[in-house]
Protein backbone atom coordinates (compact mmCIF):
# COMPACT_ATOMS: atom_id res chain seq x y z
CA MET A 1 -0.03 -0.04 -0.02
CA SER A 2 1.22 3.55 -0.78
CA ASP A 3 -0.01 7.05 -1.15
CA ALA A 4 1.18 9.00 -4.23
CA LYS A 5 1.14 12.54 -5.34
CA THR A 6 2.25 13.80 -8.89
CA ALA A 7 3.48 17.05 -9.95
CA ALA A 8 5.16 17.93 -13.31
CA SER A 9 8.69 18.11 -11.84
CA LEU A 10 8.17 16.20 -8.41
CA PHE A 11 6.67 12.91 -7.53
CA THR A 12 6.02 11.89 -3.96
CA GLU A 13 5.05 8.49 -2.77
CA ILE A 14 4.49 7.14 0.87
CA SER A 15 4.92 3.48 1.35
CA GLY A 16 3.01 1.29 3.84
CA ARG A 17 6.03 1.26 5.98
CA GLY A 18 6.17 5.13 6.28
CA VAL A 19 8.98 5.85 3.75
CA ALA A 20 8.29 8.94 1.93
CA THR A 21 10.10 9.13 -1.56
CA LEU A 22 10.50 12.33 -3.42
CA THR A 23 11.64 11.85 -6.89
CA LEU A 24 12.83 14.70 -8.95
CA ARG A 25 11.22 14.34 -12.45
CA ARG A 26 12.87 16.87 -14.86
CA PRO A 27 15.33 14.26 -16.68
CA ASP A 28 15.16 16.47 -19.98
CA VAL A 29 17.02 19.25 -17.98
CA HIS A 30 19.22 16.85 -15.81
CA ASN A 31 16.70 17.66 -12.87
CA ALA A 32 18.08 21.17 -12.59
CA PHE A 33 15.86 23.17 -10.29
CA ASP A 34 14.15 26.58 -10.67
CA ASP A 35 12.05 28.80 -8.37
CA GLU A 36 9.04 26.65 -8.96
CA LEU A 37 10.62 23.38 -8.14
CA ILE A 38 12.24 24.88 -5.09
CA GLU A 39 9.09 26.13 -3.68
CA ARG A 40 7.40 22.82 -4.37
CA LEU A 41 10.10 20.86 -2.69
CA ARG A 42 10.03 23.25 0.37
CA ARG A 43 6.27 22.73 0.81
CA GLU A 44 6.45 18.99 0.28
CA LEU A 45 9.22 18.45 2.81
CA GLN A 46 7.20 20.72 5.34
CA GLY A 47 4.09 18.65 4.87
CA LEU A 48 6.06 15.38 5.31
CA SER A 49 7.89 16.67 8.35
CA LYS A 50 4.60 17.31 10.05
CA ASP A 51 3.15 13.81 8.98
CA PRO A 52 3.27 11.41 12.01
CA SER A 53 2.96 8.27 9.45
CA VAL A 54 6.25 9.31 7.81
CA ARG A 55 9.12 7.52 9.22
CA VAL A 56 11.92 8.25 6.59
CA VAL A 57 12.35 10.63 3.72
CA VAL A 58 14.23 9.59 0.57
CA LEU A 59 15.25 12.07 -2.13
CA GLU A 60 16.14 10.62 -5.53
CA ALA A 61 15.90 11.56 -9.20
CA GLU A 62 14.93 10.03 -12.61
CA GLY A 63 17.06 10.00 -15.61
CA LYS A 64 20.86 10.12 -16.06
CA SER A 65 21.47 12.89 -13.52
CA PHE A 66 20.71 13.44 -9.88
CA SER A 67 20.47 17.23 -10.32
CA ALA A 68 22.54 19.57 -12.30
CA GLY A 69 21.76 22.47 -10.01
CA ALA A 70 20.25 25.72 -11.25
CA ASP A 71 18.09 25.49 -14.33
CA LEU A 72 19.48 27.52 -17.36
CA ASN A 73 16.27 29.34 -18.09
CA TRP A 74 15.97 30.32 -14.31
CA MET A 75 19.53 31.65 -14.29
CA LYS A 76 18.66 33.75 -17.36
CA ARG A 77 15.79 35.27 -15.51
CA MET A 78 18.01 35.83 -12.52
CA ALA A 79 20.47 37.81 -14.62
CA THR A 80 17.69 40.50 -15.12
CA TYR A 81 16.95 40.60 -11.30
CA ASP A 82 17.85 43.70 -9.26
CA HIS A 83 19.53 43.19 -5.78
CA ALA A 84 16.23 42.84 -4.01
CA ASP A 85 14.90 40.28 -6.46
CA ASN A 86 18.19 38.23 -6.03
CA LEU A 87 18.01 38.28 -2.30
CA GLN A 88 14.32 37.01 -2.29
CA ASP A 89 15.25 34.32 -4.74
CA ALA A 90 18.32 33.23 -2.84
CA ASN A 91 16.29 33.28 0.54
CA ASN A 92 13.62 30.90 -1.08
CA LEU A 93 16.53 28.44 -1.99
CA GLY A 94 17.85 28.98 1.62
CA LYS A 95 14.51 28.08 3.30
CA MET A 96 14.27 24.93 1.06
CA MET A 97 17.61 23.73 2.10
CA ALA A 98 17.11 24.61 5.73
CA THR A 99 13.79 22.57 5.66
CA LEU A 100 15.46 19.61 4.22
CA SER A 101 18.40 19.73 6.75
CA ARG A 102 16.10 20.12 9.73
CA MET A 103 13.56 17.42 8.89
CA ARG A 104 12.23 15.52 11.91
CA GLN A 105 12.80 12.18 10.18
CA PRO A 106 15.97 10.74 8.83
CA THR A 107 16.70 11.84 5.18
CA VAL A 108 18.44 9.72 2.61
CA ALA A 109 19.72 11.07 -0.76
CA VAL A 110 20.06 8.28 -3.56
CA VAL A 111 22.53 9.66 -6.10
CA GLN A 112 22.37 7.73 -9.33
CA GLY A 113 24.07 10.26 -11.65
CA ALA A 114 25.66 13.76 -11.75
CA ALA A 115 25.14 16.09 -8.84
CA LEU A 116 26.47 19.60 -9.76
CA GLY A 117 26.22 22.84 -7.90
CA GLY A 118 22.95 22.97 -5.86
CA GLY A 119 22.62 19.35 -6.52
CA VAL A 120 25.60 18.66 -4.24
CA GLY A 121 23.85 20.86 -1.69
CA LEU A 122 20.74 18.60 -1.72
CA VAL A 123 23.16 15.54 -1.17
CA ALA A 124 24.91 17.39 1.68
CA ALA A 125 21.74 18.46 3.47
CA CYS A 126 20.52 14.88 3.81
CA ASP A 127 21.59 12.73 6.82
CA ILE A 128 22.68 9.85 4.68
CA ALA A 129 23.77 9.68 1.11
CA ILE A 130 24.53 6.69 -1.07
CA ALA A 131 25.78 6.87 -4.56
CA SER A 132 26.30 4.85 -7.71
CA ASP A 133 29.72 4.52 -8.81
CA ALA A 134 28.74 6.27 -11.97
CA ALA A 135 27.96 9.50 -10.13
CA VAL A 136 30.09 12.52 -10.47
CA PHE A 137 30.04 15.71 -8.48
CA ALA A 138 31.17 19.35 -8.92
CA LEU A 139 30.78 22.70 -7.25
CA SER A 140 31.10 24.68 -10.45
CA GLU A 141 29.84 28.16 -9.38
CA VAL A 142 33.10 30.09 -9.62
CA ARG A 143 33.48 29.14 -13.27
CA LEU A 144 30.28 31.37 -13.70
CA GLY A 145 31.53 34.10 -11.69
CA LEU A 146 29.36 32.93 -8.77
CA ILE A 147 29.83 31.31 -5.29
CA PRO A 148 28.22 28.22 -3.55
CA ALA A 149 26.86 30.39 -0.80
CA VAL A 150 23.51 29.05 0.19
CA ILE A 151 24.50 25.51 0.04
CA GLY A 152 27.86 26.32 1.63
CA PRO A 153 27.04 25.53 5.30
CA TYR A 154 25.66 22.12 4.27
CA VAL A 155 28.57 21.14 2.07
CA ILE A 156 31.38 22.30 4.33
CA ASN A 157 29.66 20.44 7.28
CA ALA A 158 29.71 17.34 5.17
CA ILE A 159 33.22 17.62 3.56
CA GLY A 160 35.11 19.93 5.85
CA GLU A 161 36.91 23.23 5.35
CA ARG A 162 40.07 21.75 3.73
CA ALA A 163 38.10 19.68 0.92
CA ALA A 164 35.82 22.64 0.44
CA SER A 165 39.06 24.82 -0.15
CA ARG A 166 39.91 22.68 -3.11
CA TYR A 167 36.47 22.01 -4.67
CA PHE A 168 35.04 25.29 -4.14
CA LEU A 169 38.01 27.01 -5.78
CA THR A 170 38.93 24.62 -8.60
CA ALA A 171 35.21 23.67 -9.55
CA GLU A 172 36.66 20.47 -10.90
CA ARG A 173 34.56 17.33 -11.19
CA PHE A 174 35.28 14.55 -8.74
CA SER A 175 34.24 10.87 -8.83
CA ALA A 176 31.79 8.97 -6.36
CA ALA A 177 34.93 7.38 -4.80
CA GLU A 178 36.29 10.95 -4.07
CA ALA A 179 32.76 12.06 -2.60
CA HIS A 180 33.09 8.99 -0.38
CA ARG A 181 36.64 9.74 0.61
CA ILE A 182 35.96 13.34 1.78
CA GLY A 183 32.67 12.48 3.38
CA LEU A 184 30.01 13.74 0.98
CA VAL A 185 28.42 10.26 0.65
CA HIS A 186 28.44 7.34 3.08
CA GLU A 187 28.67 4.68 0.50
CA VAL A 188 29.36 3.90 -3.23
CA VAL A 189 28.09 0.84 -4.84
CA PRO A 190 27.79 -0.37 -8.57
CA ALA A 191 24.75 1.10 -10.40
CA ASP A 192 22.96 -2.18 -10.57
CA GLU A 193 23.31 -2.52 -6.68
CA LEU A 194 22.00 1.03 -5.75
CA LEU A 195 18.39 0.08 -5.13
CA ALA A 196 19.60 -2.89 -2.85
CA ALA A 197 21.91 -0.35 -1.00
CA ARG A 198 19.02 1.95 -0.58
CA ASN A 199 16.70 -0.64 0.77
CA GLY A 200 19.38 -1.86 3.10
CA VAL A 201 19.63 1.69 4.65
CA LEU A 202 15.83 1.97 4.92
CA ASP A 203 15.57 -1.46 6.65
CA ASN A 204 18.07 -0.22 9.17
CA LEU A 205 16.51 3.08 9.80
CA LEU A 206 12.99 1.54 10.34
CA LEU A 207 14.36 -0.52 13.12
CA GLY A 208 14.86 2.53 15.25
CA GLY A 209 12.34 4.22 17.41
CA PRO A 210 10.70 7.20 15.57
CA ALA A 211 11.12 9.61 18.44
CA ALA A 212 14.57 8.24 19.23
CA LEU A 213 15.64 8.94 15.61
CA ALA A 214 14.45 12.45 15.87
CA GLU A 215 16.08 13.04 19.20
CA ALA A 216 19.29 11.51 17.90
CA LYS A 217 19.30 14.00 15.04
CA ASN A 218 18.83 16.75 17.58
CA LEU A 219 21.68 15.34 19.65
CA ILE A 220 24.01 15.35 16.65
CA SER A 221 23.24 19.00 15.86
CA TYR A 222 23.69 19.98 19.46
CA ILE A 223 27.07 18.22 19.96
CA SER A 224 28.43 19.24 16.59
CA ASN A 225 28.21 22.74 17.83
CA ALA A 226 29.48 22.02 21.34
CA THR A 227 32.76 21.03 23.12
CA THR A 228 33.42 18.18 25.51
CA LYS A 229 35.42 20.68 27.73
CA ASP A 230 32.20 22.60 28.42
CA GLU A 231 30.56 21.33 31.64
CA LYS A 232 27.13 22.43 30.27
CA VAL A 233 27.58 19.87 27.47
CA VAL A 234 28.28 17.05 29.98
CA ARG A 235 25.09 17.95 32.02
CA ASP A 236 22.96 18.50 28.95
CA THR A 237 23.83 15.19 27.29
CA ALA A 238 23.03 13.36 30.54
CA GLY A 239 19.68 15.18 30.62
CA HIS A 240 19.05 14.17 26.95
CA ILE A 241 19.31 10.45 27.71
CA ALA A 242 17.38 10.68 31.11
CA ARG A 243 14.48 12.30 29.44
CA VAL A 244 14.49 9.83 26.60
CA ARG A 245 14.71 6.86 28.97
CA ALA A 246 11.47 8.00 30.67
CA THR A 247 9.37 8.17 27.39
CA ASP A 248 6.90 5.43 26.46
CA GLU A 249 9.00 4.66 23.46
CA GLY A 250 12.15 4.44 25.49
CA GLN A 251 10.44 2.12 27.95
CA GLU A 252 8.92 0.00 25.24
CA GLY A 253 12.31 -0.46 23.52
CA VAL A 254 14.15 -1.60 26.66
CA ALA A 255 11.19 -3.99 27.55
CA ALA A 256 11.37 -5.45 24.24
CA PHE A 257 15.02 -6.04 24.29
CA LEU A 258 14.87 -7.69 27.75
CA ASN A 259 11.87 -9.80 26.71
CA LYS A 260 13.57 -10.81 23.35
CA ARG A 261 10.81 -9.41 21.26
CA LYS A 262 10.52 -6.79 18.53
CA PRO A 263 9.53 -3.39 19.64
CA SER A 264 6.10 -1.96 18.67
CA TRP A 265 7.33 0.25 15.97
CA VAL A 266 9.02 -2.60 13.94
CA ARG A 267 6.38 -3.68 11.39
CA GLU A 268 6.59 -7.20 10.03
């Protein structure tokens, strides 16, 4: 059983297990995005984040490319914008990226082909990324006299300042193997094994408690901006686990483990 919604450039399907799959459907333009797709993605992600039936969100694409970044026709329109229009446009992209990054549920990017510019940002903003060995990546903005500003925080968070220094500045293309080495993707598999790898990740995510997954994401965000030398961090992380242990889900999970049964959120 699944629910599906179709738009010209985006297809959303929710499986009976609570996996929401968003598929970019502009293969004729290599799934490049424009202002319309950006707004559609933002609204769709917001709706999924509030849906208690959704356990995991997957972002993937049809065709040879994952996403070539900005659509050429959109770029032509932007060339005529004044500063205020450009600022509004950039803010809209920023809101979409932030929505993806802050999803309550785990997010998984499945990269079957080229991810360029803003497409790299989409990959970096997801919690987990797996790629085909045929995928290639590039942060090509400087070759257009631009910079990867809006996606910058997500990309640098994923690959670090040192790798960003190379790829932001050279704008060279790099392989899936290199994307794995620098931390942009977690796993690289042959193209014909990408679906199996995707499903394996989803199977593992669905074994986790829904609330615990959301709390784990919050904890990662908190700790990544903290330091273990700060006594407040020591107290706060202790407070996190104490609070979660006392929840219904926490108690159910421990009881299931002790009684050697599956917890209530694992569907057969």
